[in-house]
PDB file of N, CA and C in Angstrom:
ATOM      1  N   MET A   1     127.204 122.328 117.211  1.00  0.00           N
ATOM      2  CA  MET A   1     126.927 120.953 116.872  1.00  0.00           C
ATOM      3  C   MET A   1     126.519 120.311 115.783  1.00  0.00           C
ATOM      4  N   ASP A   2     127.773 119.604 115.072  1.00  0.00           N
ATOM      5  CA  ASP A   2     126.976 119.541 113.967  1.00  0.00           C
ATOM      6  C   ASP A   2     126.494 117.830 114.177  1.00  0.00           C
ATOM      7  N   ILE A   3     125.413 117.523 113.348  1.00  0.00           N
ATOM      8  CA  ILE A   3     125.089 116.314 113.534  1.00  0.00           C
ATOM      9  C   ILE A   3     125.661 114.846 112.379  1.00  0.00           C
ATOM     10  N   VAL A   4     126.363 113.847 112.259  1.00  0.00           N
ATOM     11  CA  VAL A   4     126.515 113.414 110.830  1.00  0.00           C
ATOM     12  C   VAL A   4     125.607 112.040 110.979  1.00  0.00           C
ATOM     13  N   LEU A   5     124.558 111.649 110.131  1.00  0.00           N
ATOM     14  CA  LEU A   5     123.889 110.754 110.131  1.00  0.00           C
ATOM     15  C   LEU A   5     124.756 109.721 108.785  1.00  0.00           C
ATOM     16  N   VAL A   6     125.357 108.392 109.593  1.00  0.00           N
ATOM     17  CA  VAL A   6     125.512 107.628 108.289  1.00  0.00           C
ATOM     18  C   VAL A   6     124.947 106.605 108.176  1.00  0.00           C
ATOM     19  N   ILE A   7     125.277 106.301 106.985  1.00  0.00           N
ATOM     20  CA  ILE A   7     123.809 105.876 106.358  1.00  0.00           C
ATOM     21  C   ILE A   7     124.392 104.763 105.554  1.00  0.00           C
ATOM     22  N   PRO A   8     124.403 103.552 105.664  1.00  0.00           N
ATOM     23  CA  PRO A   8     124.788 102.142 105.276  1.00  0.00           C
ATOM     24  C   PRO A   8     124.293 102.251 103.755  1.00  0.00           C
ATOM     25  N   GLU A   9     125.460 101.801 103.115  1.00  0.00           N
ATOM     26  CA  GLU A   9     124.653 101.753 101.601  1.00  0.00           C
ATOM     27  C   GLU A   9     123.846 100.863 100.989  1.00  0.00           C
ATOM     28  N   ASP A  10     123.846  99.837 102.349  1.00  0.00           N
ATOM     29  CA  ASP A  10     122.663  99.242 101.963  1.00  0.00           C
ATOM     30  C   ASP A  10     121.390  98.675 102.664  1.00  0.00           C
ATOM     31  N   SER A  11     121.080 100.001 102.974  1.00  0.00           N
ATOM     32  CA  SER A  11     119.858 100.634 103.914  1.00  0.00           C
ATOM     33  C   SER A  11     118.500 100.288 103.213  1.00  0.00           C
ATOM     34  N   ILE A  12     117.913  99.779 103.354  1.00  0.00           N
ATOM     35  CA  ILE A  12     116.287 100.224 103.904  1.00  0.00           C
ATOM     36  C   ILE A  12     115.321 101.693 104.310  1.00  0.00           C
ATOM     37  N   ILE A  13     115.021 102.219 103.338  1.00  0.00           N
ATOM     38  CA  ILE A  13     114.524 103.080 103.750  1.00  0.00           C
ATOM     39  C   ILE A  13     113.429 103.629 103.654  1.00  0.00           C
ATOM     40  N   LEU A  14     111.906 104.025 103.977  1.00  0.00           N
ATOM     41  CA  LEU A  14     111.213 104.494 103.786  1.00  0.00           C
ATOM     42  C   LEU A  14     110.538 106.099 103.978  1.00  0.00           C
ATOM     43  N   ASP A  15     110.613 106.316 102.737  1.00  0.00           N
ATOM     44  CA  ASP A  15     109.915 108.234 102.950  1.00  0.00           C
ATOM     45  C   ASP A  15     108.484 108.544 103.087  1.00  0.00           C
ATOM     46  N   LEU A  16     107.966 109.188 104.135  1.00  0.00           N
ATOM     47  CA  LEU A  16     106.896 109.429 103.541  1.00  0.00           C
ATOM     48  C   LEU A  16     106.496 110.188 103.709  1.00  0.00           C
ATOM     49  N   GLY A  17     105.190 110.568 102.502  1.00  0.00           N
ATOM     50  CA  GLY A  17     104.882 112.109 102.182  1.00  0.00           C
ATOM     51  C   GLY A  17     105.896 112.653 101.438  1.00  0.00           C
ATOM     52  N   THR A  18     106.138 111.631 100.520  1.00  0.00           N
ATOM     53  CA  THR A  18     107.223 112.021  99.627  1.00  0.00           C
ATOM     54  C   THR A  18     107.202 113.519  98.688  1.00  0.00           C
ATOM     55  N   GLY A  19     106.242 113.723  98.174  1.00  0.00           N
ATOM     56  CA  GLY A  19     106.142 114.695  97.597  1.00  0.00           C
ATOM     57  C   GLY A  19     106.984 114.937  96.513  1.00  0.00           C
ATOM     58  N   HIS A  20     107.867 115.674  96.602  1.00  0.00           N
ATOM     59  CA  HIS A  20     108.725 115.910  95.195  1.00  0.00           C
ATOM     60  C   HIS A  20     109.852 115.260  94.910  1.00  0.00           C
ATOM     61  N   GLY A  21     109.851 114.753  96.222  1.00  0.00           N
ATOM     62  CA  GLY A  21     111.042 113.700  96.335  1.00  0.00           C
ATOM     63  C   GLY A  21     112.653 114.480  96.988  1.00  0.00           C
ATOM     64  N   LEU A  22     112.473 114.837  97.315  1.00  0.00           N
ATOM     65  CA  LEU A  22     113.723 115.605  97.861  1.00  0.00           C
ATOM     66  C   LEU A  22     114.481 114.555  98.712  1.00  0.00           C
ATOM     67  N   VAL A  23     113.780 114.634 100.137  1.00  0.00           N
ATOM     68  CA  VAL A  23     114.534 113.861 100.985  1.00  0.00           C
ATOM     69  C   VAL A  23     115.138 112.111 100.191  1.00  0.00           C
ATOM     70  N   LEU A  24     114.489 112.045  99.494  1.00  0.00           N
ATOM     71  CA  LEU A  24     114.236 110.501  99.269  1.00  0.00           C
ATOM     72  C   LEU A  24     115.217 110.018  98.018  1.00  0.00           C
ATOM     73  N   ILE A  25     115.600 111.964  97.024  1.00  0.00           N
ATOM     74  CA  ILE A  25     116.445 111.371  96.135  1.00  0.00           C
ATOM     75  C   ILE A  25     118.057 111.686  97.057  1.00  0.00           C
ATOM     76  N   LYS A  26     117.760 112.450  98.078  1.00  0.00           N
ATOM     77  CA  LYS A  26     119.021 112.372  99.491  1.00  0.00           C
ATOM     78  C   LYS A  26     119.641 111.157  99.958  1.00  0.00           C
ATOM     79  N   PHE A  27     118.997 110.231 100.093  1.00  0.00           N
ATOM     80  CA  PHE A  27     118.954 108.853 100.827  1.00  0.00           C
ATOM     81  C   PHE A  27     119.344 108.149  99.631  1.00  0.00           C
ATOM     82  N   ALA A  28     118.449 108.203  98.330  1.00  0.00           N
ATOM     83  CA  ALA A  28     118.686 106.969  97.461  1.00  0.00           C
ATOM     84  C   ALA A  28     120.162 107.297  96.897  1.00  0.00           C
ATOM     85  N   SER A  29     120.248 108.836  96.690  1.00  0.00           N
ATOM     86  CA  SER A  29     122.112 108.971  96.002  1.00  0.00           C
ATOM     87  C   SER A  29     123.047 108.840  97.467  1.00  0.00           C
ATOM     88  N   LYS A  30     122.852 108.196  98.166  1.00  0.00           N
ATOM     89  CA  LYS A  30     123.726 107.488  99.278  1.00  0.00           C
ATOM     90  C   LYS A  30     123.801 106.410  99.439  1.00  0.00           C
ATOM     91  N   ILE A  31     122.979 105.336  99.003  1.00  0.00           N
ATOM     92  CA  ILE A  31     122.856 104.143  98.918  1.00  0.00           C
ATOM     93  C   ILE A  31     123.552 103.354  98.066  1.00  0.00           C
ATOM     94  N   SER A  32     123.583 101.795  98.233  1.00  0.00           N
ATOM     95  CA  SER A  32     123.958 101.238  96.761  1.00  0.00           C
ATOM     96  C   SER A  32     123.026 100.442  95.761  1.00  0.00           C
ATOM     97  N   SER A  33     123.250 100.171  95.216  1.00  0.00           N
ATOM     98  CA  SER A  33     121.848  99.560  94.972  1.00  0.00           C
ATOM     99  C   SER A  33     121.847  97.571  95.559  1.00  0.00           C
ATOM    100  N   GLU A  34     122.670  97.717  96.819  1.00  0.00           N
ATOM    101  CA  GLU A  34     122.120  96.913  97.567  1.00  0.00           C
ATOM    102  C   GLU A  34     120.916  97.416  98.663  1.00  0.00           C
ATOM    103  N   GLY A  35     120.560  98.525  98.723  1.00  0.00           N
ATOM    104  CA  GLY A  35     119.644  99.519  99.207  1.00  0.00           C
ATOM    105  C   GLY A  35     118.632  99.715  98.852  1.00  0.00           C
ATOM    106  N   HIS A  36     117.452 100.056  99.539  1.00  0.00           N
ATOM    107  CA  HIS A  36     116.415 100.435  98.973  1.00  0.00           C
ATOM    108  C   HIS A  36     115.791 101.571  99.456  1.00  0.00           C
ATOM    109  N   VAL A  37     115.228 102.625  98.753  1.00  0.00           N
ATOM    110  CA  VAL A  37     114.593 103.741  99.174  1.00  0.00           C
ATOM    111  C   VAL A  37     112.597 103.849  98.620  1.00  0.00           C
ATOM    112  N   THR A  38     112.008 103.562  99.980  1.00  0.00           N
ATOM    113  CA  THR A  38     110.268 103.379  99.250  1.00  0.00           C
ATOM    114  C   THR A  38     110.010 104.648  99.145  1.00  0.00           C
ATOM    115  N   GLY A  39     108.991 105.626  98.153  1.00  0.00           N
ATOM    116  CA  GLY A  39     108.407 107.221  98.650  1.00  0.00           C
ATOM    117  C   GLY A  39     106.850 106.187  98.954  1.00  0.00           C
ATOM    118  N   ILE A  40     106.314 106.826  99.670  1.00  0.00           N
ATOM    119  CA  ILE A  40     105.167 106.989  99.659  1.00  0.00           C
ATOM    120  C   ILE A  40     104.501 108.239  99.129  1.00  0.00           C
ATOM    121  N   ASP A  41     103.268 108.205  98.750  1.00  0.00           N
ATOM    122  CA  ASP A  41     102.548 110.155  99.295  1.00  0.00           C
ATOM    123  C   ASP A  41     100.806 109.631  98.652  1.00  0.00           C
ATOM    124  N   LEU A  42     100.416 110.677  99.226  1.00  0.00           N
ATOM    125  CA  LEU A  42      98.879 110.425  98.383  1.00  0.00           C
ATOM    126  C   LEU A  42      98.874 111.638  96.987  1.00  0.00           C
ATOM    127  N   TRP A  43      99.813 112.029  96.627  1.00  0.00           N
ATOM    128  CA  TRP A  43      99.770 112.500  95.961  1.00  0.00           C
ATOM    129  C   TRP A  43      99.285 113.867  95.958  1.00  0.00           C
ATOM    130  N   LYS A  44      98.688 114.689  96.546  1.00  0.00           N
ATOM    131  CA  LYS A  44      97.413 115.513  96.573  1.00  0.00           C
ATOM    132  C   LYS A  44      97.976 116.801  96.643  1.00  0.00           C
ATOM    133  N   ASN A  45      97.485 117.946  95.351  1.00  0.00           N
ATOM    134  CA  ASN A  45      98.339 119.250  95.332  1.00  0.00           C
ATOM    135  C   ASN A  45      98.020 120.480  96.591  1.00  0.00           C
ATOM    136  N   ARG A  46      96.999 120.104  97.309  1.00  0.00           N
ATOM    137  CA  ARG A  46      97.103 120.648  98.476  1.00  0.00           C
ATOM    138  C   ARG A  46      97.781 120.450  99.255  1.00  0.00           C
ATOM    139  N   ASP A  47      98.312 119.608  99.225  1.00  0.00           N
ATOM    140  CA  ASP A  47      99.238 119.470  99.916  1.00  0.00           C
ATOM    141  C   ASP A  47     100.802 120.155  99.868  1.00  0.00           C
ATOM    142  N   GLN A  48     101.325 120.231  98.715  1.00  0.00           N
ATOM    143  CA  GLN A  48     102.696 120.499  97.836  1.00  0.00           C
ATOM    144  C   GLN A  48     102.133 121.034  96.157  1.00  0.00           C
ATOM    145  N   SER A  49     102.028 121.948  95.735  1.00  0.00           N
ATOM    146  CA  SER A  49     101.934 122.327  94.507  1.00  0.00           C
ATOM    147  C   SER A  49     102.923 121.089  92.967  1.00  0.00           C
ATOM    148  N   ASN A  50     102.146 120.694  92.534  1.00  0.00           N
ATOM    149  CA  ASN A  50     102.494 120.278  91.502  1.00  0.00           C
ATOM    150  C   ASN A  50     102.207 118.771  92.359  1.00  0.00           C
ATOM    151  N   ASN A  51     102.396 118.596  92.977  1.00  0.00           N
ATOM    152  CA  ASN A  51     102.581 117.106  93.777  1.00  0.00           C
ATOM    153  C   ASN A  51     101.701 116.065  93.052  1.00  0.00           C
ATOM    154  N   SER A  52     102.537 115.206  92.510  1.00  0.00           N
ATOM    155  CA  SER A  52     102.325 113.869  91.851  1.00  0.00           C
ATOM    156  C   SER A  52     103.123 112.770  91.718  1.00  0.00           C
ATOM    157  N   PHE A  53     102.458 111.599  91.438  1.00  0.00           N
ATOM    158  CA  PHE A  53     103.387 110.452  91.388  1.00  0.00           C
ATOM    159  C   PHE A  53     104.389 110.790  90.350  1.00  0.00           C
ATOM    160  N   LYS A  54     103.942 111.306  89.131  1.00  0.00           N
ATOM    161  CA  LYS A  54     104.581 111.231  87.571  1.00  0.00           C
ATOM    162  C   LYS A  54     105.416 112.207  88.072  1.00  0.00           C
ATOM    163  N   SER A  55     105.418 113.200  87.950  1.00  0.00           N
ATOM    164  CA  SER A  55     106.155 114.571  88.335  1.00  0.00           C
ATOM    165  C   SER A  55     107.915 113.696  89.266  1.00  0.00           C
ATOM    166  N   THR A  56     107.817 113.303  90.245  1.00  0.00           N
ATOM    167  CA  THR A  56     108.779 112.830  91.383  1.00  0.00           C
ATOM    168  C   THR A  56     108.921 111.409  90.203  1.00  0.00           C
ATOM    169  N   GLN A  57     108.304 110.184  89.590  1.00  0.00           N
ATOM    170  CA  GLN A  57     108.794 109.022  89.067  1.00  0.00           C
ATOM    171  C   GLN A  57     110.236 110.039  87.586  1.00  0.00           C
ATOM    172  N   GLN A  58     109.957 110.829  87.523  1.00  0.00           N
ATOM    173  CA  GLN A  58     110.124 111.274  86.122  1.00  0.00           C
ATOM    174  C   GLN A  58     111.633 111.713  87.014  1.00  0.00           C
ATOM    175  N   LEU A  59     111.724 112.637  87.748  1.00  0.00           N
ATOM    176  CA  LEU A  59     112.770 113.186  88.907  1.00  0.00           C
ATOM    177  C   LEU A  59     113.567 112.328  89.190  1.00  0.00           C
ATOM    178  N   LEU A  60     112.937 111.103  89.599  1.00  0.00           N
ATOM    179  CA  LEU A  60     114.181 109.473  89.797  1.00  0.00           C
ATOM    180  C   LEU A  60     114.506 109.101  88.491  1.00  0.00           C
ATOM    181  N   GLN A  61     113.839 109.115  87.745  1.00  0.00           N
ATOM    182  CA  GLN A  61     114.381 108.562  85.978  1.00  0.00           C
ATOM    183  C   GLN A  61     115.518 110.141  85.465  1.00  0.00           C
ATOM    184  N   GLU A  62     115.609 110.764  85.924  1.00  0.00           N
ATOM    185  CA  GLU A  62     116.942 111.619  85.219  1.00  0.00           C
ATOM    186  C   GLU A  62     117.500 111.728  85.821  1.00  0.00           C
ATOM    187  N   LYS A  63     117.510 111.229  87.363  1.00  0.00           N
ATOM    188  CA  LYS A  63     118.800 111.110  88.865  1.00  0.00           C
ATOM    189  C   LYS A  63     119.071 110.059  88.637  1.00  0.00           C
ATOM    190  N   ASN A  64     118.849 108.860  87.596  1.00  0.00           N
ATOM    191  CA  ASN A  64     118.962 107.820  87.567  1.00  0.00           C
ATOM    192  C   ASN A  64     118.989 106.805  88.887  1.00  0.00           C
ATOM    193  N   LEU A  65     118.082 107.022  90.006  1.00  0.00           N
ATOM    194  CA  LEU A  65     118.026 106.563  90.790  1.00  0.00           C
ATOM    195  C   LEU A  65     116.449 105.634  91.156  1.00  0.00           C
ATOM    196  N   GLU A  66     116.151 105.665  89.840  1.00  0.00           N
ATOM    197  CA  GLU A  66     115.038 104.142  90.042  1.00  0.00           C
ATOM    198  C   GLU A  66     115.390 102.958  90.236  1.00  0.00           C
ATOM    199  N   ASN A  67     116.533 102.232  90.166  1.00  0.00           N
ATOM    200  CA  ASN A  67     117.028 101.533  90.508  1.00  0.00           C
ATOM    201  C   ASN A  67     117.503 100.746  91.753  1.00  0.00           C
ATOM    202  N   ARG A  68     117.165 102.150  92.221  1.00  0.00           N
ATOM    203  CA  ARG A  68     117.204 101.650  93.931  1.00  0.00           C
ATOM    204  C   ARG A  68     116.195 102.500  94.697  1.00  0.00           C
ATOM    205  N   SER A  69     115.137 102.920  93.844  1.00  0.00           N
ATOM    206  CA  SER A  69     114.201 103.793  94.703  1.00  0.00           C
ATOM    207  C   SER A  69     112.872 103.436  93.845  1.00  0.00           C
ATOM    208  N   ASP A  70     111.738 103.749  94.734  1.00  0.00           N
ATOM    209  CA  ASP A  70     110.178 103.444  94.105  1.00  0.00           C
ATOM    210  C   ASP A  70     108.985 104.530  94.815  1.00  0.00           C
ATOM    211  N   LEU A  71     108.383 104.568  94.202  1.00  0.00           N
ATOM    212  CA  LEU A  71     107.295 105.405  94.390  1.00  0.00           C
ATOM    213  C   LEU A  71     106.195 104.441  94.474  1.00  0.00           C
ATOM    214  N   LYS A  72     105.301 104.739  95.529  1.00  0.00           N
ATOM    215  CA  LYS A  72     104.112 103.718  95.978  1.00  0.00           C
ATOM    216  C   LYS A  72     102.838 104.826  96.470  1.00  0.00           C
ATOM    217  N   THR A  73     101.963 104.973  96.219  1.00  0.00           N
ATOM    218  CA  THR A  73     100.541 105.747  96.691  1.00  0.00           C
ATOM    219  C   THR A  73      99.870 104.635  97.953  1.00  0.00           C
ATOM    220  N   ALA A  74     100.293 105.265  98.774  1.00  0.00           N
ATOM    221  CA  ALA A  74      99.610 104.954 100.330  1.00  0.00           C
ATOM    222  C   ALA A  74      99.583 106.181 101.039  1.00  0.00           C
ATOM    223  N   ASP A  75      98.451 105.185 102.063  1.00  0.00           N
ATOM    224  CA  ASP A  75      98.656 106.666 103.134  1.00  0.00           C
ATOM    225  C   ASP A  75      99.450 106.049 104.539  1.00  0.00           C
ATOM    226  N   MET A  76     100.161 107.065 104.900  1.00  0.00           N
ATOM    227  CA  MET A  76     100.441 107.379 106.647  1.00  0.00           C
ATOM    228  C   MET A  76      99.881 106.402 107.286  1.00  0.00           C
ATOM    229  N   ILE A  77      98.985 106.683 107.855  1.00  0.00           N
ATOM    230  CA  ILE A  77      97.774 105.810 108.658  1.00  0.00           C
ATOM    231  C   ILE A  77      97.821 104.469 108.337  1.00  0.00           C
ATOM    232  N   GLU A  78      98.079 104.098 106.942  1.00  0.00           N
ATOM    233  CA  GLU A  78      98.004 102.216 107.248  1.00  0.00           C
ATOM    234  C   GLU A  78      98.786 101.917 106.457  1.00  0.00           C
ATOM    235  N   LEU A  79     100.113 101.995 106.468  1.00  0.00           N
ATOM    236  CA  LEU A  79     100.863 101.572 105.712  1.00  0.00           C
ATOM    237  C   LEU A  79     101.246 100.303 105.367  1.00  0.00           C
ATOM    238  N   PRO A  80     101.633 100.144 104.124  1.00  0.00           N
ATOM    239  CA  PRO A  80     101.466  98.725 103.444  1.00  0.00           C
ATOM    240  C   PRO A  80     102.364  97.624 103.570  1.00  0.00           C
ATOM    241  N   PHE A  81     103.356  97.591 104.882  1.00  0.00           N
ATOM    242  CA  PHE A  81     104.629  97.211 104.829  1.00  0.00           C
ATOM    243  C   PHE A  81     104.241  96.538 106.048  1.00  0.00           C
ATOM    244  N   GLU A  82     105.309  95.467 105.866  1.00  0.00           N
ATOM    245  CA  GLU A  82     105.236  94.514 106.613  1.00  0.00           C
ATOM    246  C   GLU A  82     106.209  95.202 108.209  1.00  0.00           C
ATOM    247  N   ASP A  83     105.642  94.839 109.445  1.00  0.00           N
ATOM    248  CA  ASP A  83     106.776  94.830 110.626  1.00  0.00           C
ATOM    249  C   ASP A  83     108.223  94.840 110.753  1.00  0.00           C
ATOM    250  N   LYS A  84     108.493  95.730 110.755  1.00  0.00           N
ATOM    251  CA  LYS A  84     110.260  96.191 110.922  1.00  0.00           C
ATOM    252  C   LYS A  84     110.917  95.275 109.788  1.00  0.00           C
ATOM    253  N   LYS A  85     110.257  96.589 108.500  1.00  0.00           N
ATOM    254  CA  LYS A  85     111.244  96.042 107.551  1.00  0.00           C
ATOM    255  C   LYS A  85     112.031  97.145 107.304  1.00  0.00           C
ATOM    256  N   TYR A  86     112.267  98.792 107.867  1.00  0.00           N
ATOM    257  CA  TYR A  86     113.391  99.653 107.494  1.00  0.00           C
ATOM    258  C   TYR A  86     114.068  99.820 108.261  1.00  0.00           C
ATOM    259  N   ASP A  87     115.417 100.567 107.901  1.00  0.00           N
ATOM    260  CA  ASP A  87     116.260 100.807 108.667  1.00  0.00           C
ATOM    261  C   ASP A  87     116.037 102.451 109.290  1.00  0.00           C
ATOM    262  N   PHE A  88     115.693 103.125 108.044  1.00  0.00           N
ATOM    263  CA  PHE A  88     114.843 104.288 108.717  1.00  0.00           C
ATOM    264  C   PHE A  88     113.845 104.712 107.939  1.00  0.00           C
ATOM    265  N   VAL A  89     112.883 105.537 108.645  1.00  0.00           N
ATOM    266  CA  VAL A  89     111.603 105.975 108.411  1.00  0.00           C
ATOM    267  C   VAL A  89     111.853 107.499 108.506  1.00  0.00           C
ATOM    268  N   THR A  90     111.793 108.414 107.156  1.00  0.00           N
ATOM    269  CA  THR A  90     111.800 110.014 107.325  1.00  0.00           C
ATOM    270  C   THR A  90     110.397 110.391 106.967  1.00  0.00           C
ATOM    271  N   ALA A  91     110.517 111.348 107.662  1.00  0.00           N
ATOM    272  CA  ALA A  91     109.103 112.317 107.203  1.00  0.00           C
ATOM    273  C   ALA A  91     109.799 113.421 107.294  1.00  0.00           C
ATOM    274  N   SER A  92     109.336 114.449 106.309  1.00  0.00           N
ATOM    275  CA  SER A  92     109.822 115.237 106.008  1.00  0.00           C
ATOM    276  C   SER A  92     108.339 117.154 105.466  1.00  0.00           C
ATOM    277  N   MET A  93     108.244 117.406 106.461  1.00  0.00           N
ATOM    278  CA  MET A  93     106.767 118.455 106.398  1.00  0.00           C
ATOM    279  C   MET A  93     105.566 117.695 106.034  1.00  0.00           C
ATOM    280  N   ALA A  94     105.351 116.467 106.632  1.00  0.00           N
ATOM    281  CA  ALA A  94     104.422 115.899 105.705  1.00  0.00           C
ATOM    282  C   ALA A  94     103.247 115.599 107.105  1.00  0.00           C
ATOM    283  N   ILE A  95     103.789 115.329 108.290  1.00  0.00           N
ATOM    284  CA  ILE A  95     102.622 115.116 109.477  1.00  0.00           C
ATOM    285  C   ILE A  95     101.812 115.855 109.889  1.00  0.00           C
ATOM    286  N   HIS A  96     102.121 117.033 109.721  1.00  0.00           N
ATOM    287  CA  HIS A  96     101.230 118.232 109.925  1.00  0.00           C
ATOM    288  C   HIS A  96      99.938 118.372 109.150  1.00  0.00           C
ATOM    289  N   ASN A  97     100.106 117.252 107.317  1.00  0.00           N
ATOM    290  CA  ASN A  97      98.694 117.567 106.752  1.00  0.00           C
ATOM    291  C   ASN A  97      97.962 116.241 106.958  1.00  0.00           C
ATOM    292  N   ILE A  98      98.042 115.655 108.021  1.00  0.00           N
ATOM    293  CA  ILE A  98      97.709 114.804 108.371  1.00  0.00           C
ATOM    294  C   ILE A  98      96.675 115.359 109.240  1.00  0.00           C
ATOM    295  N   LYS A  99      95.200 114.878 109.307  1.00  0.00           N
ATOM    296  CA  LYS A  99      94.002 115.602 110.061  1.00  0.00           C
ATOM    297  C   LYS A  99      92.984 114.501 110.189  1.00  0.00           C
ATOM    298  N   PRO A 100      92.392 114.692 111.606  1.00  0.00           N
ATOM    299  CA  PRO A 100      92.111 115.058 112.397  1.00  0.00           C
ATOM    300  C   PRO A 100      93.748 114.892 113.148  1.00  0.00           C
ATOM    301  N   LYS A 101      94.076 115.630 114.591  1.00  0.00           N
ATOM    302  CA  LYS A 101      95.168 115.600 114.501  1.00  0.00           C
ATOM    303  C   LYS A 101      95.736 113.687 115.672  1.00  0.00           C
ATOM    304  N   GLN A 102      94.271 113.177 115.829  1.00  0.00           N
ATOM    305  CA  GLN A 102      94.618 112.174 116.565  1.00  0.00           C
ATOM    306  C   GLN A 102      95.094 110.822 115.041  1.00  0.00           C
ATOM    307  N   ASN A 103      94.948 111.388 113.704  1.00  0.00           N
ATOM    308  CA  ASN A 103      95.764 110.277 112.828  1.00  0.00           C
ATOM    309  C   ASN A 103      97.219 110.813 112.398  1.00  0.00           C
ATOM    310  N   ARG A 104      97.405 111.855 113.318  1.00  0.00           N
ATOM    311  CA  ARG A 104      98.830 112.151 113.541  1.00  0.00           C
ATOM    312  C   ARG A 104      99.338 110.716 114.207  1.00  0.00           C
ATOM    313  N   TYR A 105      98.986 110.780 115.629  1.00  0.00           N
ATOM    314  CA  TYR A 105      99.615 109.846 116.563  1.00  0.00           C
ATOM    315  C   TYR A 105      99.536 108.181 115.725  1.00  0.00           C
ATOM    316  N   LYS A 106      98.119 107.738 114.600  1.00  0.00           N
ATOM    317  CA  LYS A 106      98.343 106.685 113.957  1.00  0.00           C
ATOM    318  C   LYS A 106      99.491 106.825 113.155  1.00  0.00           C
ATOM    319  N   ALA A 107      99.861 107.769 112.217  1.00  0.00           N
ATOM    320  CA  ALA A 107     100.966 107.980 111.684  1.00  0.00           C
ATOM    321  C   ALA A 107     102.392 107.430 111.943  1.00  0.00           C
ATOM    322  N   LEU A 108     102.344 107.974 113.359  1.00  0.00           N
ATOM    323  CA  LEU A 108     103.556 107.741 114.342  1.00  0.00           C
ATOM    324  C   LEU A 108     103.971 106.279 114.373  1.00  0.00           C
ATOM    325  N   ASP A 109     102.484 105.940 115.438  1.00  0.00           N
ATOM    326  CA  ASP A 109     102.734 104.209 115.726  1.00  0.00           C
ATOM    327  C   ASP A 109     102.568 103.655 114.103  1.00  0.00           C
ATOM    328  N   GLU A 110     102.770 104.292 113.149  1.00  0.00           N
ATOM    329  CA  GLU A 110     102.809 103.295 111.828  1.00  0.00           C
ATOM    330  C   GLU A 110     104.234 103.128 111.380  1.00  0.00           C
ATOM    331  N   ALA A 111     104.863 104.576 111.336  1.00  0.00           N
ATOM    332  CA  ALA A 111     106.502 104.575 110.979  1.00  0.00           C
ATOM    333  C   ALA A 111     107.341 103.601 111.992  1.00  0.00           C
ATOM    334  N   THR A 112     106.782 103.623 113.370  1.00  0.00           N
ATOM    335  CA  THR A 112     107.234 102.822 114.483  1.00  0.00           C
ATOM    336  C   THR A 112     107.399 101.766 114.036  1.00  0.00           C
ATOM    337  N   ARG A 113     106.282 101.182 113.498  1.00  0.00           N
ATOM    338  CA  ARG A 113     105.858  99.496 113.571  1.00  0.00           C
ATOM    339  C   ARG A 113     106.777  98.847 112.631  1.00  0.00           C
ATOM    340  N   VAL A 114     107.124  99.688 111.615  1.00  0.00           N
ATOM    341  CA  VAL A 114     107.362  99.040 110.367  1.00  0.00           C
ATOM    342  C   VAL A 114     108.995  99.367 110.347  1.00  0.00           C
ATOM    343  N   LEU A 115     109.715  99.892 111.596  1.00  0.00           N
ATOM    344  CA  LEU A 115     111.135 100.273 111.721  1.00  0.00           C
ATOM    345  C   LEU A 115     111.362  99.462 112.110  1.00  0.00           C
ATOM    346  N   LYS A 116     112.982  98.747 112.054  1.00  0.00           N
ATOM    347  CA  LYS A 116     113.464  97.741 113.175  1.00  0.00           C
ATOM    348  C   LYS A 116     113.706  97.998 113.844  1.00  0.00           C
ATOM    349  N   THR A 117     114.105  97.376 114.727  1.00  0.00           N
ATOM    350  CA  THR A 117     114.306  97.221 116.215  1.00  0.00           C
ATOM    351  C   THR A 117     115.159  98.420 116.343  1.00  0.00           C
ATOM    352  N   GLU A 118     116.545  98.329 115.915  1.00  0.00           N
ATOM    353  CA  GLU A 118     117.744  99.181 115.981  1.00  0.00           C
ATOM    354  C   GLU A 118     117.788 100.757 114.732  1.00  0.00           C
ATOM    355  N   GLY A 119     116.620 100.866 114.249  1.00  0.00           N
ATOM    356  CA  GLY A 119     116.161 101.985 113.251  1.00  0.00           C
ATOM    357  C   GLY A 119     116.091 103.030 113.178  1.00  0.00           C
ATOM    358  N   LEU A 120     116.286 103.892 112.574  1.00  0.00           N
ATOM    359  CA  LEU A 120     116.270 105.226 113.204  1.00  0.00           C
ATOM    360  C   LEU A 120     114.413 105.777 112.297  1.00  0.00           C
ATOM    361  N   LEU A 121     114.237 106.829 113.334  1.00  0.00           N
ATOM    362  CA  LEU A 121     113.300 107.618 112.727  1.00  0.00           C
ATOM    363  C   LEU A 121     113.386 109.017 113.087  1.00  0.00           C
ATOM    364  N   ILE A 122     112.881 109.461 111.712  1.00  0.00           N
ATOM    365  CA  ILE A 122     113.546 110.860 111.196  1.00  0.00           C
ATOM    366  C   ILE A 122     112.815 111.801 111.202  1.00  0.00           C
ATOM    367  N   ILE A 123     112.072 112.480 111.847  1.00  0.00           N
ATOM    368  CA  ILE A 123     110.882 113.652 111.538  1.00  0.00           C
ATOM    369  C   ILE A 123     111.268 114.990 111.526  1.00  0.00           C
ATOM    370  N   LEU A 124     110.937 115.950 110.606  1.00  0.00           N
ATOM    371  CA  LEU A 124     111.063 117.732 110.342  1.00  0.00           C
ATOM    372  C   LEU A 124     110.084 117.744 109.859  1.00  0.00           C
ATOM    373  N   ASP A 125     108.847 118.503 110.993  1.00  0.00           N
ATOM    374  CA  ASP A 125     108.083 119.370 110.699  1.00  0.00           C
ATOM    375  C   ASP A 125     107.997 120.484 111.450  1.00  0.00           C
ATOM    376  N   THR A 126     106.719 120.883 111.204  1.00  0.00           N
ATOM    377  CA  THR A 126     106.292 122.548 111.919  1.00  0.00           C
ATOM    378  C   THR A 126     105.475 121.849 113.405  1.00  0.00           C
TER     379      THR A 126
END
């Protein structure tokens, strides 16, 4: 059974643990200039080799996606965003990096706090 995710072109999206931007780039390519994707990370090389704000920003520029996306340095356990702001919150291979385990729950609480009531939280992790 295939699952199809419908992403309205005006979606406001938050990508947690953006890293090299694979998920952010996928979502940014599906939305119009009416939508926006924000990617956050702590940009630590121990989590992902060559993980840096600068290299991910360069990828966004190369793909001409900087007009509908941005990057921020932020911690998943204390998101600097207002409540119920995002249509989608994504986390791909990022939550397992949060230590200790109790902080993973904080990150999930934060993700649901910034998610709109009818929003969708998408997690891919080990």
